[in-house]
Amino acid sequence: QSYLWLCLMQVVFIGMMISSSLWGNISDKYGRKTGLKMSVMWTMYYGILSAFAPVYGWIIFLRALVGFGIGGAPQSVTLYAEFLPMKSRATCILLIEIFWALGTVFEVLLAIMVMPTLGWRWLLGFSTVPLAIFAVLCFWLPESARYDVLTGNQDKALATLKRIAVENGVPMPLGKLIAARQEDRGKIQDLFSPQFRWTVGRYR
């Protein structure tokens, strides 16, 4: 039935909506890389379980949990952006959005090829393969140097910057990191403060 398919799609977005703030808080407290790894592992685990769902109710439940994990995907943009120079940040983040769209197209093409012959279970299983690859590769990713500086881990931030310099074959810039520890990380209610109220109201 069409409404059953509609519910199946909507629960993913509901899970994303519920979890996005939670993943942001986790990433602020434990690190961008940690939050991203947790969300990837979560999404992959429940994505695989979805392929073995015995009845429709279980599919709905497990896909909602998949959406809950996908809510942490924006942490990849945060981690990426905090490594970018200001002049190229907007362009590079736009490229991420383009590749997100291309990934959606790839998923549709995968469904066209897999569904008629192997069925939806294999589609869900194949859809977790990129997550499995990323789950392995993400251990190579460094933590955001900006995050380390803002949380007082300047030695770790400096080590990350030295690693980046070595991997890019360039010398480290002269100077030292002087950013202070960030105490105030902001809250949801800040969006409704006088300086942001008008902007929030425009997009409500």
Protein backbone atom coordinates (compact mmCIF):
# COMPACT_ATOMS: atom_id res chain seq x y z
CA GLN A 1 0.00 0.00 0.00
CA SER A 2 1.17 3.53 -0.79
CA TYR A 3 0.68 4.81 2.76
CA LEU A 4 2.91 2.03 4.09
CA TRP A 5 5.73 3.13 1.78
CA LEU A 6 5.11 6.73 2.85
CA CYS A 7 5.45 5.78 6.52
CA LEU A 8 8.63 3.89 5.75
CA MET A 9 10.19 7.01 4.24
CA GLN A 10 8.92 9.45 6.84
CA VAL A 11 10.23 7.57 9.89
CA VAL A 12 13.79 8.05 8.62
CA PHE A 13 13.35 11.82 8.55
CA ILE A 14 11.63 11.79 11.93
CA GLY A 15 14.62 9.93 13.37
CA MET A 16 16.97 12.50 11.83
CA MET A 17 14.96 15.37 13.28
CA ILE A 18 14.95 13.89 16.78
CA SER A 19 18.65 13.04 16.88
CA SER A 20 20.39 15.95 15.15
CA SER A 21 20.69 18.08 18.31
CA LEU A 22 21.84 15.07 20.33
CA TRP A 23 24.66 14.28 17.90
CA GLY A 24 25.67 17.94 17.96
CA ASN A 25 25.92 17.86 21.76
CA ILE A 26 27.92 14.63 21.67
CA SER A 27 30.32 16.11 19.13
CA ASP A 28 30.72 19.28 21.20
CA LYS A 29 31.49 17.27 24.32
CA TYR A 30 33.55 14.35 22.99
CA GLY A 31 34.85 15.59 19.64
CA ARG A 32 33.74 15.87 16.02
CA LYS A 33 35.46 12.64 15.04
CA THR A 34 33.96 10.72 17.94
CA GLY A 35 30.44 11.92 17.17
CA LEU A 36 30.85 11.08 13.50
CA LYS A 37 32.19 7.58 14.21
CA MET A 38 29.35 6.85 16.60
CA SER A 39 26.70 7.98 14.13
CA VAL A 40 28.26 5.96 11.31
CA MET A 41 28.48 2.80 13.43
CA TRP A 42 24.90 3.31 14.63
CA THR A 43 23.56 3.79 11.09
CA MET A 44 25.47 0.82 9.73
CA TYR A 45 24.38 -1.50 12.55
CA TYR A 46 20.68 -0.73 12.25
CA GLY A 47 20.91 -0.58 8.47
CA ILE A 48 22.15 -4.18 8.42
CA LEU A 49 19.48 -5.24 10.91
CA SER A 50 16.84 -3.64 8.67
CA ALA A 51 17.71 -6.11 5.93
CA PHE A 52 16.69 -8.96 8.28
CA ALA A 53 13.46 -7.39 9.56
CA PRO A 54 10.82 -10.16 9.81
CA VAL A 55 7.68 -8.00 9.59
CA TYR A 56 6.66 -4.51 8.55
CA GLY A 57 6.57 -3.19 12.13
CA TRP A 58 10.20 -4.11 12.63
CA ILE A 59 11.16 -2.40 9.39
CA ILE A 60 9.50 0.82 10.56
CA PHE A 61 11.26 0.64 13.93
CA LEU A 62 14.69 -0.16 12.51
CA ARG A 63 14.48 2.45 9.74
CA ALA A 64 13.60 5.05 12.38
CA LEU A 65 16.80 4.07 14.19
CA VAL A 66 18.70 4.36 10.91
CA GLY A 67 17.34 7.89 10.58
CA PHE A 68 18.43 8.54 14.16
CA GLY A 69 21.98 7.68 13.11
CA ILE A 70 21.82 9.71 9.89
CA GLY A 71 21.05 12.73 12.07
CA GLY A 72 24.76 12.73 12.93
CA ALA A 73 25.85 13.03 9.29
CA PRO A 74 26.20 16.86 9.47
CA GLN A 75 29.09 16.32 11.87
CA SER A 76 31.12 15.30 8.82
CA VAL A 77 30.53 18.79 7.41
CA THR A 78 31.58 20.34 10.72
CA LEU A 79 34.76 18.27 10.87
CA TYR A 80 35.53 19.06 7.24
CA ALA A 81 34.82 22.79 7.56
CA GLU A 82 37.07 23.20 10.58
CA PHE A 83 40.05 22.09 8.48
CA LEU A 84 39.31 24.46 5.59
CA PRO A 85 40.74 27.94 5.07
CA MET A 86 38.14 30.68 5.13
CA LYS A 87 38.50 31.55 1.42
CA SER A 88 37.61 28.05 0.19
CA ARG A 89 35.17 26.97 2.90
CA ALA A 90 31.95 27.93 1.12
CA THR A 91 32.98 26.25 -2.15
CA CYS A 92 34.09 23.03 -0.50
CA ILE A 93 30.95 22.75 1.64
CA LEU A 94 28.87 23.29 -1.49
CA LEU A 95 30.74 20.39 -3.10
CA ILE A 96 29.76 18.17 -0.16
CA GLU A 97 26.11 18.99 -0.80
CA ILE A 98 26.57 18.14 -4.49
CA PHE A 99 28.05 14.76 -3.62
CA TRP A 100 25.19 14.18 -1.16
CA ALA A 101 22.81 14.63 -4.10
CA LEU A 102 24.92 12.34 -6.27
CA GLY A 103 24.80 9.71 -3.53
CA THR A 104 21.01 9.94 -3.56
CA VAL A 105 21.00 9.38 -7.32
CA PHE A 106 23.34 6.41 -6.87
CA GLU A 107 20.95 4.90 -4.31
CA VAL A 108 18.07 5.21 -6.77
CA LEU A 109 20.12 3.52 -9.51
CA LEU A 110 21.10 0.77 -7.06
CA ALA A 111 17.42 0.21 -6.24
CA ILE A 112 16.57 -0.03 -9.95
CA MET A 113 19.21 -2.70 -10.44
CA VAL A 114 18.73 -4.69 -7.24
CA MET A 115 15.02 -4.59 -6.38
CA PRO A 116 13.63 -6.43 -9.44
CA THR A 117 15.95 -9.40 -9.03
CA LEU A 118 17.25 -9.64 -5.46
CA GLY A 119 14.60 -7.71 -3.52
CA TRP A 120 14.57 -5.03 -0.86
CA ARG A 121 16.63 -6.95 1.70
CA TRP A 122 19.65 -7.01 -0.59
CA LEU A 123 19.12 -3.33 -1.37
CA LEU A 124 19.32 -2.45 2.32
CA GLY A 125 22.36 -4.66 2.73
CA PHE A 126 24.20 -3.15 -0.23
CA SER A 127 23.32 0.33 1.03
CA THR A 128 25.43 -0.25 4.14
CA VAL A 129 28.61 -1.04 2.17
CA PRO A 130 29.73 2.63 1.89
CA LEU A 131 29.16 2.97 5.62
CA ALA A 132 31.33 -0.06 6.31
CA ILE A 133 34.10 1.39 4.15
CA PHE A 134 33.88 4.74 5.89
CA ALA A 135 33.78 3.08 9.32
CA VAL A 136 37.20 1.59 8.56
CA LEU A 137 38.67 4.72 6.97
CA CYS A 138 37.41 7.16 9.60
CA PHE A 139 39.96 5.85 12.12
CA TRP A 140 42.55 7.53 9.89
CA LEU A 141 40.79 10.89 10.22
CA PRO A 142 42.32 13.34 12.69
CA GLU A 143 40.22 15.17 15.23
CA SER A 144 39.47 18.79 14.41
CA ALA A 145 42.42 20.92 15.51
CA ARG A 146 40.02 23.80 16.12
CA TYR A 147 37.93 21.63 18.44
CA ASP A 148 41.05 20.58 20.37
CA VAL A 149 42.14 24.19 20.78
CA LEU A 150 38.71 25.30 21.95
CA THR A 151 38.59 22.49 24.51
CA GLY A 152 42.07 23.26 25.84
CA ASN A 153 43.99 20.40 24.14
CA GLN A 154 46.54 22.60 22.41
CA ASP A 155 49.25 19.92 22.32
CA LYS A 156 46.91 17.54 20.52
CA ALA A 157 45.86 20.30 18.11
CA LEU A 158 49.49 21.10 17.36
CA ALA A 159 50.23 17.42 16.70
CA THR A 160 47.32 17.29 14.27
CA LEU A 161 48.56 20.37 12.41
CA LYS A 162 52.07 18.91 12.20
CA ARG A 163 50.65 15.68 10.78
CA ILE A 164 48.70 17.64 8.17
CA ALA A 165 51.81 19.60 7.22
CA VAL A 166 53.85 16.41 6.80
CA GLU A 167 51.16 14.68 4.72
CA ASN A 168 50.89 17.73 2.46
CA GLY A 169 54.65 18.17 2.16
CA VAL A 170 54.66 21.74 3.47
CA PRO A 171 56.42 23.32 6.44
CA MET A 172 54.52 24.25 9.58
CA PRO A 173 53.72 27.98 9.82
CA LEU A 174 55.69 29.85 12.45
CA GLY A 175 53.98 30.89 15.65
CA LYS A 176 51.97 29.21 18.37
CA LEU A 177 48.33 28.51 19.09
CA ILE A 178 46.85 31.12 21.39
CA ALA A 179 43.09 30.51 21.22
CA ALA A 180 41.53 30.32 24.68
CA ARG A 181 39.40 27.48 25.96
CA GLN A 182 35.76 27.88 24.92
CA GLU A 183 33.41 27.85 27.89
CA ASP A 184 30.10 28.97 26.34
CA ARG A 185 28.91 26.69 23.51
CA GLY A 186 25.48 28.21 23.06
CA LYS A 187 22.02 26.79 23.60
CA ILE A 188 18.84 26.30 21.56
CA GLN A 189 17.19 29.24 23.30
CA ASP A 190 19.95 31.48 21.92
CA LEU A 191 18.21 31.22 18.54
CA PHE A 192 15.34 33.22 20.00
CA SER A 193 17.51 35.94 21.52
CA PRO A 194 17.03 39.48 20.13
CA GLN A 195 20.04 39.33 17.79
CA PHE A 196 18.86 36.09 16.12
CA ARG A 197 15.07 36.32 16.50
CA TRP A 198 14.48 38.07 13.17
CA THR A 199 16.65 35.59 11.24
CA VAL A 200 14.96 32.58 12.81
CA GLY A 201 11.54 34.07 12.09
CA ARG A 202 12.34 34.42 8.39
CA TYR A 203 12.95 30.67 7.99
CA ARG A 204 10.25 29.38 10.32
